[in-house]
């Protein structure tokens, strides 16, 4: 099911062109990166959205763009950077 959703999204992009905002562009770039497909100009479009302070406008857009700049997608970032929970290490109790 996931693969069919990705492919439908890519077909939609081919018909309608680049997404209109950095959120959609970042998600598209992540999907393409996972499929090992390049979309000419997409990274440039994303980088043009970068603000003077280094962000991409707000925390959500920056969160979505950072994996692209690292050459990864969110799923891969979780594999390398995700918090691993180990039994007995939780210092919080309810």
C-alpha atoms as a PDB file:
ATOM      1  CA  UNK A   1       0.000   0.000   0.000  1.00  0.00           C
ATOM      2  CA  UNK A   2       2.781   2.440   0.927  1.00  0.00           C
ATOM      3  CA  UNK A   3       4.513   1.946  -2.423  1.00  0.00           C
ATOM      4  CA  UNK A   4       1.291   2.578  -4.330  1.00  0.00           C
ATOM      5  CA  UNK A   5       0.740   5.833  -2.398  1.00  0.00           C
ATOM      6  CA  UNK A   6       4.277   6.969  -3.234  1.00  0.00           C
ATOM      7  CA  UNK A   7       3.856   6.150  -6.898  1.00  0.00           C
ATOM      8  CA  UNK A   8       0.494   7.938  -7.091  1.00  0.00           C
ATOM      9  CA  UNK A   9       2.064  11.011  -5.487  1.00  0.00           C
ATOM     10  CA  UNK A  10       4.898  10.940  -8.031  1.00  0.00           C
ATOM     11  CA  UNK A  11       2.441  10.665 -10.921  1.00  0.00           C
ATOM     12  CA  UNK A  12       0.613  13.682  -9.518  1.00  0.00           C
ATOM     13  CA  UNK A  13       3.867  15.663  -9.379  1.00  0.00           C
ATOM     14  CA  UNK A  14       4.679  14.810 -12.992  1.00  0.00           C
ATOM     15  CA  UNK A  15       1.272  16.131 -14.048  1.00  0.00           C
ATOM     16  CA  UNK A  16       1.137  19.249 -11.851  1.00  0.00           C
ATOM     17  CA  UNK A  17       4.827  20.121 -11.368  1.00  0.00           C
ATOM     18  CA  UNK A  18       6.618  21.231  -8.206  1.00  0.00           C
ATOM     19  CA  UNK A  19       4.656  21.554  -5.015  1.00  0.00           C
ATOM     20  CA  UNK A  20       3.842  25.088  -3.961  1.00  0.00           C
ATOM     21  CA  UNK A  21       5.473  25.105  -0.540  1.00  0.00           C
ATOM     22  CA  UNK A  22       8.492  23.847   1.346  1.00  0.00           C
ATOM     23  CA  UNK A  23       6.473  21.262   3.326  1.00  0.00           C
ATOM     24  CA  UNK A  24       5.312  19.433   0.217  1.00  0.00           C
ATOM     25  CA  UNK A  25       8.687  19.852  -1.476  1.00  0.00           C
ATOM     26  CA  UNK A  26      10.513  18.318   1.502  1.00  0.00           C
ATOM     27  CA  UNK A  27       8.136  15.358   1.661  1.00  0.00           C
ATOM     28  CA  UNK A  28       8.436  14.867  -2.088  1.00  0.00           C
ATOM     29  CA  UNK A  29      12.232  14.987  -1.882  1.00  0.00           C
ATOM     30  CA  UNK A  30      12.193  12.386   0.904  1.00  0.00           C
ATOM     31  CA  UNK A  31       9.948  10.064  -1.110  1.00  0.00           C
ATOM     32  CA  UNK A  32      12.135  10.464  -4.187  1.00  0.00           C
ATOM     33  CA  UNK A  33      15.303   9.910  -2.165  1.00  0.00           C
ATOM     34  CA  UNK A  34      13.877   6.666  -0.823  1.00  0.00           C
ATOM     35  CA  UNK A  35      13.070   5.542  -4.367  1.00  0.00           C
ATOM     36  CA  UNK A  36      16.514   6.643  -5.605  1.00  0.00           C
ATOM     37  CA  UNK A  37      14.904   9.075  -8.072  1.00  0.00           C
ATOM     38  CA  UNK A  38      16.162  12.593  -8.731  1.00  0.00           C
ATOM     39  CA  UNK A  39      13.883  15.488  -9.617  1.00  0.00           C
ATOM     40  CA  UNK A  40      15.882  18.276 -11.254  1.00  0.00           C
ATOM     41  CA  UNK A  41      15.652  21.562  -9.391  1.00  0.00           C
ATOM     42  CA  UNK A  42      13.849  20.250  -6.303  1.00  0.00           C
ATOM     43  CA  UNK A  43      16.763  20.732  -3.899  1.00  0.00           C
ATOM     44  CA  UNK A  44      17.378  24.207  -5.326  1.00  0.00           C
ATOM     45  CA  UNK A  45      13.700  25.046  -4.786  1.00  0.00           C
ATOM     46  CA  UNK A  46      13.988  23.919  -1.157  1.00  0.00           C
ATOM     47  CA  UNK A  47      17.228  25.825  -0.553  1.00  0.00           C
ATOM     48  CA  UNK A  48      15.689  29.022  -1.940  1.00  0.00           C
ATOM     49  CA  UNK A  49      13.135  28.805   0.882  1.00  0.00           C
ATOM     50  CA  UNK A  50      15.878  29.061   3.527  1.00  0.00           C
ATOM     51  CA  UNK A  51      15.689  32.136   5.755  1.00  0.00           C
ATOM     52  CA  UNK A  52      18.595  34.352   6.852  1.00  0.00           C
ATOM     53  CA  UNK A  53      18.601  32.644  10.274  1.00  0.00           C
ATOM     54  CA  UNK A  54      19.155  29.238   8.623  1.00  0.00           C
ATOM     55  CA  UNK A  55      15.633  27.952   9.203  1.00  0.00           C
ATOM     56  CA  UNK A  56      13.080  27.257   6.531  1.00  0.00           C
ATOM     57  CA  UNK A  57      10.403  29.500   8.008  1.00  0.00           C
ATOM     58  CA  UNK A  58       9.224  27.494  10.988  1.00  0.00           C
ATOM     59  CA  UNK A  59      10.160  24.463  13.033  1.00  0.00           C
ATOM     60  CA  UNK A  60       8.032  22.020  11.019  1.00  0.00           C
ATOM     61  CA  UNK A  61       9.454  22.997   7.650  1.00  0.00           C
ATOM     62  CA  UNK A  62      13.003  22.933   9.046  1.00  0.00           C
ATOM     63  CA  UNK A  63      12.315  19.491  10.569  1.00  0.00           C
ATOM     64  CA  UNK A  64      11.125  18.195   7.194  1.00  0.00           C
ATOM     65  CA  UNK A  65      14.014  19.732   5.218  1.00  0.00           C
ATOM     66  CA  UNK A  66      16.958  18.690   7.413  1.00  0.00           C
ATOM     67  CA  UNK A  67      16.910  15.005   6.375  1.00  0.00           C
ATOM     68  CA  UNK A  68      17.057  16.104   2.718  1.00  0.00           C
ATOM     69  CA  UNK A  69      20.157  18.166   3.395  1.00  0.00           C
ATOM     70  CA  UNK A  70      21.693  15.122   5.102  1.00  0.00           C
ATOM     71  CA  UNK A  71      20.873  12.932   2.083  1.00  0.00           C
ATOM     72  CA  UNK A  72      18.360  10.867   4.040  1.00  0.00           C
ATOM     73  CA  UNK A  73      14.646  10.665   4.786  1.00  0.00           C
ATOM     74  CA  UNK A  74      12.873  10.749   8.155  1.00  0.00           C
ATOM     75  CA  UNK A  75      12.689   6.958   8.396  1.00  0.00           C
ATOM     76  CA  UNK A  76      16.452   6.650   7.872  1.00  0.00           C
ATOM     77  CA  UNK A  77      17.156   9.445  10.356  1.00  0.00           C
ATOM     78  CA  UNK A  78      15.189   7.532  12.992  1.00  0.00           C
ATOM     79  CA  UNK A  79      17.350   4.472  12.368  1.00  0.00           C
ATOM     80  CA  UNK A  80      20.535   6.458  13.013  1.00  0.00           C
ATOM     81  CA  UNK A  81      19.312   9.064  15.484  1.00  0.00           C
ATOM     82  CA  UNK A  82      16.212   7.576  17.068  1.00  0.00           C
ATOM     83  CA  UNK A  83      16.012   7.303  20.809  1.00  0.00           C
ATOM     84  CA  UNK A  84      16.520   3.727  21.884  1.00  0.00           C
ATOM     85  CA  UNK A  85      14.655   2.707  24.979  1.00  0.00           C
ATOM     86  CA  UNK A  86      16.384   0.211  27.230  1.00  0.00           C
ATOM     87  CA  UNK A  87      14.471  -1.492  30.045  1.00  0.00           C
ATOM     88  CA  UNK A  88      15.348  -0.027  33.433  1.00  0.00           C
ATOM     89  CA  UNK A  89      16.761   3.251  32.102  1.00  0.00           C
ATOM     90  CA  UNK A  90      13.563   5.292  32.346  1.00  0.00           C
ATOM     91  CA  UNK A  91      14.085   7.848  35.129  1.00  0.00           C
ATOM     92  CA  UNK A  92      10.478   9.016  35.061  1.00  0.00           C
ATOM     93  CA  UNK A  93       7.688   7.259  36.849  1.00  0.00           C
ATOM     94  CA  UNK A  94       3.978   7.867  36.770  1.00  0.00           C
END
